[in-house]
Amino acid sequence: MRILILNGPNLNLLGTREPGVYGSQSFEEYLIHLKELFPNETLDYFQSNHEGEILDKLHEANYDGVVMNPGGLAHTSVVL
């Protein structure tokens, strides 16, 4: 199974932004752990701070599933 993990604005700062709240691990470090947990799955990762890039990635995606954390776009975007 091929799965896209898609993160929205500011999630590139995981591990550095308010580590007391969000933890000190970057998403890239966490992704290594996810790939170890699911060795038979193809996990692709994309992050952008730009709504248009996120939409373009969704439109071009040829995946069996998408797991998305849209960040702040979850409450401010009428497009997503």
PDB file of N, CA and C in Angstrom:
ATOM      1  N   MET A   1       0.838  -1.167   0.000  1.00  0.00           N
ATOM      2  CA  MET A   1       0.000   0.000   0.000  1.00  0.00           C
ATOM      3  C   MET A   1       0.891   1.241   0.000  1.00  0.00           C
ATOM      4  N   ARG A   2       0.506   2.225  -0.757  1.00  0.00           N
ATOM      5  CA  ARG A   2       1.262   3.480  -0.864  1.00  0.00           C
ATOM      6  C   ARG A   2       0.456   4.587  -0.189  1.00  0.00           C
ATOM      7  N   ILE A   3       1.058   5.224   0.811  1.00  0.00           N
ATOM      8  CA  ILE A   3       0.369   6.233   1.605  1.00  0.00           C
ATOM      9  C   ILE A   3       1.169   7.526   1.597  1.00  0.00           C
ATOM     10  N   LEU A   4       0.455   8.626   1.403  1.00  0.00           N
ATOM     11  CA  LEU A   4       1.058   9.956   1.472  1.00  0.00           C
ATOM     12  C   LEU A   4       0.754  10.555   2.835  1.00  0.00           C
ATOM     13  N   ILE A   5       1.792  11.000   3.522  1.00  0.00           N
ATOM     14  CA  ILE A   5       1.632  11.752   4.757  1.00  0.00           C
ATOM     15  C   ILE A   5       1.872  13.212   4.395  1.00  0.00           C
ATOM     16  N   LEU A   6       0.883  14.034   4.649  1.00  0.00           N
ATOM     17  CA  LEU A   6       0.892  15.421   4.184  1.00  0.00           C
ATOM     18  C   LEU A   6       0.727  16.361   5.374  1.00  0.00           C
ATOM     19  N   ASN A   7       1.697  17.221   5.591  1.00  0.00           N
ATOM     20  CA  ASN A   7       1.643  18.187   6.685  1.00  0.00           C
ATOM     21  C   ASN A   7       1.577  19.599   6.148  1.00  0.00           C
ATOM     22  N   GLY A   8       0.786  20.422   6.822  1.00  0.00           N
ATOM     23  CA  GLY A   8       0.578  21.802   6.413  1.00  0.00           C
ATOM     24  C   GLY A   8       1.502  22.788   7.113  1.00  0.00           C
ATOM     25  N   PRO A   9       1.093  24.055   7.128  1.00  0.00           N
ATOM     26  CA  PRO A   9       1.921  25.147   7.620  1.00  0.00           C
ATOM     27  C   PRO A   9       2.467  24.948   9.030  1.00  0.00           C
ATOM     28  N   ASN A  10       3.714  25.328   9.178  1.00  0.00           N
ATOM     29  CA  ASN A  10       4.461  25.365  10.426  1.00  0.00           C
ATOM     30  C   ASN A  10       4.837  23.988  10.973  1.00  0.00           C
ATOM     31  N   LEU A  11       4.356  22.920  10.360  1.00  0.00           N
ATOM     32  CA  LEU A  11       4.711  21.601  10.869  1.00  0.00           C
ATOM     33  C   LEU A  11       6.150  21.225  10.529  1.00  0.00           C
ATOM     34  N   ASN A  12       6.792  22.018   9.687  1.00  0.00           N
ATOM     35  CA  ASN A  12       8.221  21.854   9.449  1.00  0.00           C
ATOM     36  C   ASN A  12       9.030  22.283  10.674  1.00  0.00           C
ATOM     37  N   LEU A  13       8.387  22.940  11.626  1.00  0.00           N
ATOM     38  CA  LEU A  13       9.075  23.417  12.828  1.00  0.00           C
ATOM     39  C   LEU A  13       8.980  22.441  13.997  1.00  0.00           C
ATOM     40  N   LEU A  14       8.351  21.281  13.776  1.00  0.00           N
ATOM     41  CA  LEU A  14       8.285  20.291  14.846  1.00  0.00           C
ATOM     42  C   LEU A  14       9.692  19.952  15.317  1.00  0.00           C
ATOM     43  N   GLY A  15       9.851  19.902  16.609  1.00  0.00           N
ATOM     44  CA  GLY A  15      11.163  19.615  17.186  1.00  0.00           C
ATOM     45  C   GLY A  15      11.922  20.859  17.594  1.00  0.00           C
ATOM     46  N   THR A  16      11.555  22.001  17.015  1.00  0.00           N
ATOM     47  CA  THR A  16      12.244  23.243  17.364  1.00  0.00           C
ATOM     48  C   THR A  16      11.298  24.295  17.912  1.00  0.00           C
ATOM     49  N   ARG A  17      10.059  24.288  17.498  1.00  0.00           N
ATOM     50  CA  ARG A  17       9.090  25.289  17.954  1.00  0.00           C
ATOM     51  C   ARG A  17       8.381  24.779  19.215  1.00  0.00           C
ATOM     52  N   GLU A  18       8.551  25.487  20.296  1.00  0.00           N
ATOM     53  CA  GLU A  18       7.931  25.148  21.575  1.00  0.00           C
ATOM     54  C   GLU A  18       8.058  23.660  21.913  1.00  0.00           C
ATOM     55  N   PRO A  19       9.294  23.167  22.054  1.00  0.00           N
ATOM     56  CA  PRO A  19       9.485  21.743  22.321  1.00  0.00           C
ATOM     57  C   PRO A  19       8.798  21.267  23.600  1.00  0.00           C
ATOM     58  N   GLY A  20       8.569  22.166  24.546  1.00  0.00           N
ATOM     59  CA  GLY A  20       7.853  21.794  25.762  1.00  0.00           C
ATOM     60  C   GLY A  20       6.401  21.437  25.490  1.00  0.00           C
ATOM     61  N   VAL A  21       5.852  21.959  24.406  1.00  0.00           N
ATOM     62  CA  VAL A  21       4.467  21.687  24.030  1.00  0.00           C
ATOM     63  C   VAL A  21       4.398  20.594  22.962  1.00  0.00           C
ATOM     64  N   TYR A  22       5.228  20.727  21.920  1.00  0.00           N
ATOM     65  CA  TYR A  22       5.142  19.855  20.751  1.00  0.00           C
ATOM     66  C   TYR A  22       6.186  18.741  20.716  1.00  0.00           C
ATOM     67  N   GLY A  23       7.097  18.726  21.684  1.00  0.00           N
ATOM     68  CA  GLY A  23       8.144  17.716  21.703  1.00  0.00           C
ATOM     69  C   GLY A  23       9.397  18.190  20.978  1.00  0.00           C
ATOM     70  N   SER A  24      10.447  17.419  21.107  1.00  0.00           N
ATOM     71  CA  SER A  24      11.734  17.815  20.519  1.00  0.00           C
ATOM     72  C   SER A  24      12.100  16.995  19.291  1.00  0.00           C
ATOM     73  N   GLN A  25      11.195  16.129  18.844  1.00  0.00           N
ATOM     74  CA  GLN A  25      11.467  15.275  17.691  1.00  0.00           C
ATOM     75  C   GLN A  25      10.909  15.925  16.420  1.00  0.00           C
ATOM     76  N   SER A  26      11.731  15.993  15.389  1.00  0.00           N
ATOM     77  CA  SER A  26      11.256  16.518  14.103  1.00  0.00           C
ATOM     78  C   SER A  26      10.361  15.472  13.435  1.00  0.00           C
ATOM     79  N   PHE A  27       9.572  15.908  12.468  1.00  0.00           N
ATOM     80  CA  PHE A  27       8.734  14.933  11.784  1.00  0.00           C
ATOM     81  C   PHE A  27       9.586  13.965  10.972  1.00  0.00           C
ATOM     82  N   GLU A  28      10.695  14.430  10.440  1.00  0.00           N
ATOM     83  CA  GLU A  28      11.580  13.554   9.686  1.00  0.00           C
ATOM     84  C   GLU A  28      12.098  12.415  10.558  1.00  0.00           C
ATOM     85  N   GLU A  29      12.409  12.729  11.823  1.00  0.00           N
ATOM     86  CA  GLU A  29      12.844  11.688  12.760  1.00  0.00           C
ATOM     87  C   GLU A  29      11.694  10.724  13.051  1.00  0.00           C
ATOM     88  N   TYR A  30      10.506  11.264  13.215  1.00  0.00           N
ATOM     89  CA  TYR A  30       9.334  10.434  13.469  1.00  0.00           C
ATOM     90  C   TYR A  30       9.018   9.551  12.265  1.00  0.00           C
ATOM     91  N   LEU A  31       9.225  10.078  11.072  1.00  0.00           N
ATOM     92  CA  LEU A  31       8.967   9.317   9.854  1.00  0.00           C
ATOM     93  C   LEU A  31       9.844   8.070   9.780  1.00  0.00           C
ATOM     94  N   ILE A  32      11.083   8.167  10.219  1.00  0.00           N
ATOM     95  CA  ILE A  32      11.961   6.995  10.260  1.00  0.00           C
ATOM     96  C   ILE A  32      11.324   5.914  11.128  1.00  0.00           C
ATOM     97  N   HIS A  33      10.793   6.314  12.273  1.00  0.00           N
ATOM     98  CA  HIS A  33      10.127   5.373  13.181  1.00  0.00           C
ATOM     99  C   HIS A  33       8.882   4.768  12.524  1.00  0.00           C
ATOM    100  N   LEU A  34       8.095   5.587  11.847  1.00  0.00           N
ATOM    101  CA  LEU A  34       6.899   5.074  11.158  1.00  0.00           C
ATOM    102  C   LEU A  34       7.266   4.031  10.110  1.00  0.00           C
ATOM    103  N   LYS A  35       8.323   4.295   9.363  1.00  0.00           N
ATOM    104  CA  LYS A  35       8.744   3.346   8.328  1.00  0.00           C
ATOM    105  C   LYS A  35       9.234   2.033   8.934  1.00  0.00           C
ATOM    106  N   GLU A  36       9.814   2.103  10.127  1.00  0.00           N
ATOM    107  CA  GLU A  36      10.211   0.878  10.827  1.00  0.00           C
ATOM    108  C   GLU A  36       8.985   0.101  11.305  1.00  0.00           C
ATOM    109  N   LEU A  37       7.951   0.826  11.752  1.00  0.00           N
ATOM    110  CA  LEU A  37       6.722   0.183  12.221  1.00  0.00           C
ATOM    111  C   LEU A  37       5.918  -0.448  11.086  1.00  0.00           C
ATOM    112  N   PHE A  38       6.016   0.135   9.883  1.00  0.00           N
ATOM    113  CA  PHE A  38       5.241  -0.333   8.739  1.00  0.00           C
ATOM    114  C   PHE A  38       6.155  -0.626   7.549  1.00  0.00           C
ATOM    115  N   PRO A  39       7.010  -1.637   7.676  1.00  0.00           N
ATOM    116  CA  PRO A  39       8.013  -1.897   6.633  1.00  0.00           C
ATOM    117  C   PRO A  39       7.424  -2.362   5.302  1.00  0.00           C
ATOM    118  N   ASN A  40       6.210  -2.859   5.309  1.00  0.00           N
ATOM    119  CA  ASN A  40       5.599  -3.351   4.071  1.00  0.00           C
ATOM    120  C   ASN A  40       4.792  -2.292   3.339  1.00  0.00           C
ATOM    121  N   GLU A  41       4.747  -1.097   3.894  1.00  0.00           N
ATOM    122  CA  GLU A  41       3.999   0.001   3.270  1.00  0.00           C
ATOM    123  C   GLU A  41       4.982   1.030   2.707  1.00  0.00           C
ATOM    124  N   THR A  42       4.571   1.696   1.656  1.00  0.00           N
ATOM    125  CA  THR A  42       5.358   2.798   1.118  1.00  0.00           C
ATOM    126  C   THR A  42       4.794   4.081   1.704  1.00  0.00           C
ATOM    127  N   LEU A  43       5.608   4.751   2.515  1.00  0.00           N
ATOM    128  CA  LEU A  43       5.191   5.998   3.151  1.00  0.00           C
ATOM    129  C   LEU A  43       5.959   7.151   2.521  1.00  0.00           C
ATOM    130  N   ASP A  44       5.241   8.021   1.825  1.00  0.00           N
ATOM    131  CA  ASP A  44       5.841   9.221   1.248  1.00  0.00           C
ATOM    132  C   ASP A  44       5.416  10.409   2.101  1.00  0.00           C
ATOM    133  N   TYR A  45       6.272  11.414   2.161  1.00  0.00           N
ATOM    134  CA  TYR A  45       6.018  12.559   3.028  1.00  0.00           C
ATOM    135  C   TYR A  45       6.167  13.854   2.245  1.00  0.00           C
ATOM    136  N   PHE A  46       5.245  14.776   2.508  1.00  0.00           N
ATOM    137  CA  PHE A  46       5.304  16.108   1.901  1.00  0.00           C
ATOM    138  C   PHE A  46       4.807  17.116   2.919  1.00  0.00           C
ATOM    139  N   GLN A  47       5.513  18.233   3.026  1.00  0.00           N
ATOM    140  CA  GLN A  47       5.113  19.334   3.897  1.00  0.00           C
ATOM    141  C   GLN A  47       5.272  20.624   3.142  1.00  0.00           C
ATOM    142  N   SER A  48       4.299  21.519   3.336  1.00  0.00           N
ATOM    143  CA  SER A  48       4.417  22.837   2.734  1.00  0.00           C
ATOM    144  C   SER A  48       3.724  23.866   3.618  1.00  0.00           C
ATOM    145  N   ASN A  49       4.247  25.076   3.570  1.00  0.00           N
ATOM    146  CA  ASN A  49       3.613  26.198   4.250  1.00  0.00           C
ATOM    147  C   ASN A  49       2.682  26.947   3.313  1.00  0.00           C
ATOM    148  N   HIS A  50       2.510  26.437   2.095  1.00  0.00           N
ATOM    149  CA  HIS A  50       1.729  27.124   1.075  1.00  0.00           C
ATOM    150  C   HIS A  50       0.534  26.267   0.658  1.00  0.00           C
ATOM    151  N   GLU A  51      -0.646  26.816   0.830  1.00  0.00           N
ATOM    152  CA  GLU A  51      -1.872  26.072   0.551  1.00  0.00           C
ATOM    153  C   GLU A  51      -1.924  25.550  -0.884  1.00  0.00           C
ATOM    154  N   GLY A  52      -1.503  26.355  -1.836  1.00  0.00           N
ATOM    155  CA  GLY A  52      -1.536  25.931  -3.232  1.00  0.00           C
ATOM    156  C   GLY A  52      -0.665  24.710  -3.490  1.00  0.00           C
ATOM    157  N   GLU A  53       0.505  24.658  -2.867  1.00  0.00           N
ATOM    158  CA  GLU A  53       1.385  23.490  -3.034  1.00  0.00           C
ATOM    159  C   GLU A  53       0.750  22.230  -2.448  1.00  0.00           C
ATOM    160  N   ILE A  54       0.061  22.390  -1.331  1.00  0.00           N
ATOM    161  CA  ILE A  54      -0.622  21.251  -0.711  1.00  0.00           C
ATOM    162  C   ILE A  54      -1.725  20.741  -1.627  1.00  0.00           C
ATOM    163  N   LEU A  55      -2.491  21.670  -2.186  1.00  0.00           N
ATOM    164  CA  LEU A  55      -3.559  21.272  -3.111  1.00  0.00           C
ATOM    165  C   LEU A  55      -2.997  20.609  -4.354  1.00  0.00           C
ATOM    166  N   ASP A  56      -1.920  21.165  -4.898  1.00  0.00           N
ATOM    167  CA  ASP A  56      -1.296  20.547  -6.068  1.00  0.00           C
ATOM    168  C   ASP A  56      -0.840  19.123  -5.763  1.00  0.00           C
ATOM    169  N   LYS A  57      -0.266  18.913  -4.582  1.00  0.00           N
ATOM    170  CA  LYS A  57       0.191  17.582  -4.197  1.00  0.00           C
ATOM    171  C   LYS A  57      -0.991  16.621  -4.084  1.00  0.00           C
ATOM    172  N   LEU A  58      -2.096  17.081  -3.520  1.00  0.00           N
ATOM    173  CA  LEU A  58      -3.294  16.241  -3.434  1.00  0.00           C
ATOM    174  C   LEU A  58      -3.829  15.894  -4.811  1.00  0.00           C
ATOM    175  N   HIS A  59      -3.809  16.837  -5.732  1.00  0.00           N
ATOM    176  CA  HIS A  59      -4.323  16.601  -7.080  1.00  0.00           C
ATOM    177  C   HIS A  59      -3.458  15.625  -7.860  1.00  0.00           C
ATOM    178  N   GLU A  60      -2.153  15.667  -7.651  1.00  0.00           N
ATOM    179  CA  GLU A  60      -1.259  14.780  -8.400  1.00  0.00           C
ATOM    180  C   GLU A  60      -1.079  13.432  -7.719  1.00  0.00           C
ATOM    181  N   ALA A  61      -1.561  13.320  -6.504  1.00  0.00           N
ATOM    182  CA  ALA A  61      -1.317  12.114  -5.718  1.00  0.00           C
ATOM    183  C   ALA A  61      -1.940  10.877  -6.343  1.00  0.00           C
ATOM    184  N   ASN A  62      -1.145   9.841  -6.411  1.00  0.00           N
ATOM    185  CA  ASN A  62      -1.603   8.533  -6.867  1.00  0.00           C
ATOM    186  C   ASN A  62      -1.306   7.552  -5.735  1.00  0.00           C
ATOM    187  N   TYR A  63      -2.100   7.658  -4.684  1.00  0.00           N
ATOM    188  CA  TYR A  63      -1.865   6.895  -3.469  1.00  0.00           C
ATOM    189  C   TYR A  63      -3.107   6.088  -3.113  1.00  0.00           C
ATOM    190  N   ASP A  64      -2.898   5.091  -2.279  1.00  0.00           N
ATOM    191  CA  ASP A  64      -4.017   4.320  -1.749  1.00  0.00           C
ATOM    192  C   ASP A  64      -4.691   5.066  -0.606  1.00  0.00           C
ATOM    193  N   GLY A  65      -3.963   5.975   0.005  1.00  0.00           N
ATOM    194  CA  GLY A  65      -4.513   6.758   1.105  1.00  0.00           C
ATOM    195  C   GLY A  65      -3.655   7.965   1.397  1.00  0.00           C
ATOM    196  N   VAL A  66      -4.268   8.946   2.055  1.00  0.00           N
ATOM    197  CA  VAL A  66      -3.564  10.156   2.464  1.00  0.00           C
ATOM    198  C   VAL A  66      -3.873  10.396   3.938  1.00  0.00           C
ATOM    199  N   VAL A  67      -2.830  10.634   4.720  1.00  0.00           N
ATOM    200  CA  VAL A  67      -2.969  11.041   6.114  1.00  0.00           C
ATOM    201  C   VAL A  67      -2.505  12.485   6.155  1.00  0.00           C
ATOM    202  N   MET A  68      -3.400  13.371   6.585  1.00  0.00           N
ATOM    203  CA  MET A  68      -3.074  14.793   6.500  1.00  0.00           C
ATOM    204  C   MET A  68      -3.278  15.497   7.835  1.00  0.00           C
ATOM    205  N   ASN A  69      -2.290  16.310   8.198  1.00  0.00           N
ATOM    206  CA  ASN A  69      -2.422  17.264   9.284  1.00  0.00           C
ATOM    207  C   ASN A  69      -2.302  18.633   8.629  1.00  0.00           C
ATOM    208  N   PRO A  70      -3.432  19.295   8.360  1.00  0.00           N
ATOM    209  CA  PRO A  70      -3.382  20.555   7.637  1.00  0.00           C
ATOM    210  C   PRO A  70      -2.904  21.742   8.451  1.00  0.00           C
ATOM    211  N   GLY A  71      -2.586  21.526   9.731  1.00  0.00           N
ATOM    212  CA  GLY A  71      -2.137  22.640  10.561  1.00  0.00           C
ATOM    213  C   GLY A  71      -3.212  23.722  10.619  1.00  0.00           C
ATOM    214  N   GLY A  72      -2.793  24.965  10.555  1.00  0.00           N
ATOM    215  CA  GLY A  72      -3.710  26.096  10.642  1.00  0.00           C
ATOM    216  C   GLY A  72      -4.731  26.162   9.522  1.00  0.00           C
ATOM    217  N   LEU A  73      -4.470  25.455   8.424  1.00  0.00           N
ATOM    218  CA  LEU A  73      -5.437  25.469   7.323  1.00  0.00           C
ATOM    219  C   LEU A  73      -6.737  24.761   7.694  1.00  0.00           C
ATOM    220  N   ALA A  74      -6.700  23.975   8.752  1.00  0.00           N
ATOM    221  CA  ALA A  74      -7.904  23.243   9.168  1.00  0.00           C
ATOM    222  C   ALA A  74      -9.021  24.190   9.593  1.00  0.00           C
ATOM    223  N   HIS A  75      -8.652  25.380  10.047  1.00  0.00           N
ATOM    224  CA  HIS A  75      -9.699  26.298  10.498  1.00  0.00           C
ATOM    225  C   HIS A  75      -9.743  27.604   9.699  1.00  0.00           C
ATOM    226  N   THR A  76      -8.868  27.733   8.691  1.00  0.00           N
ATOM    227  CA  THR A  76      -8.890  28.988   7.933  1.00  0.00           C
ATOM    228  C   THR A  76      -9.074  28.787   6.436  1.00  0.00           C
ATOM    229  N   SER A  77      -9.044  27.559   5.960  1.00  0.00           N
ATOM    230  CA  SER A  77      -9.103  27.318   4.526  1.00  0.00           C
ATOM    231  C   SER A  77     -10.478  26.834   4.098  1.00  0.00           C
ATOM    232  N   VAL A  78     -11.056  27.521   3.123  1.00  0.00           N
ATOM    233  CA  VAL A  78     -12.311  27.029   2.561  1.00  0.00           C
ATOM    234  C   VAL A  78     -12.031  26.047   1.423  1.00  0.00           C
ATOM    235  N   VAL A  79     -10.797  26.021   0.937  1.00  0.00           N
ATOM    236  CA  VAL A  79     -10.423  25.144  -0.166  1.00  0.00           C
ATOM    237  C   VAL A  79     -10.226  23.701   0.310  1.00  0.00           C
ATOM    238  N   LEU A  80      -9.505  23.550   1.421  1.00  0.00           N
ATOM    239  CA  LEU A  80      -9.269  22.205   1.944  1.00  0.00           C
ATOM    240  C   LEU A  80     -10.505  21.721   2.658  1.00  0.00           C
TER     241      LEU A  80
END
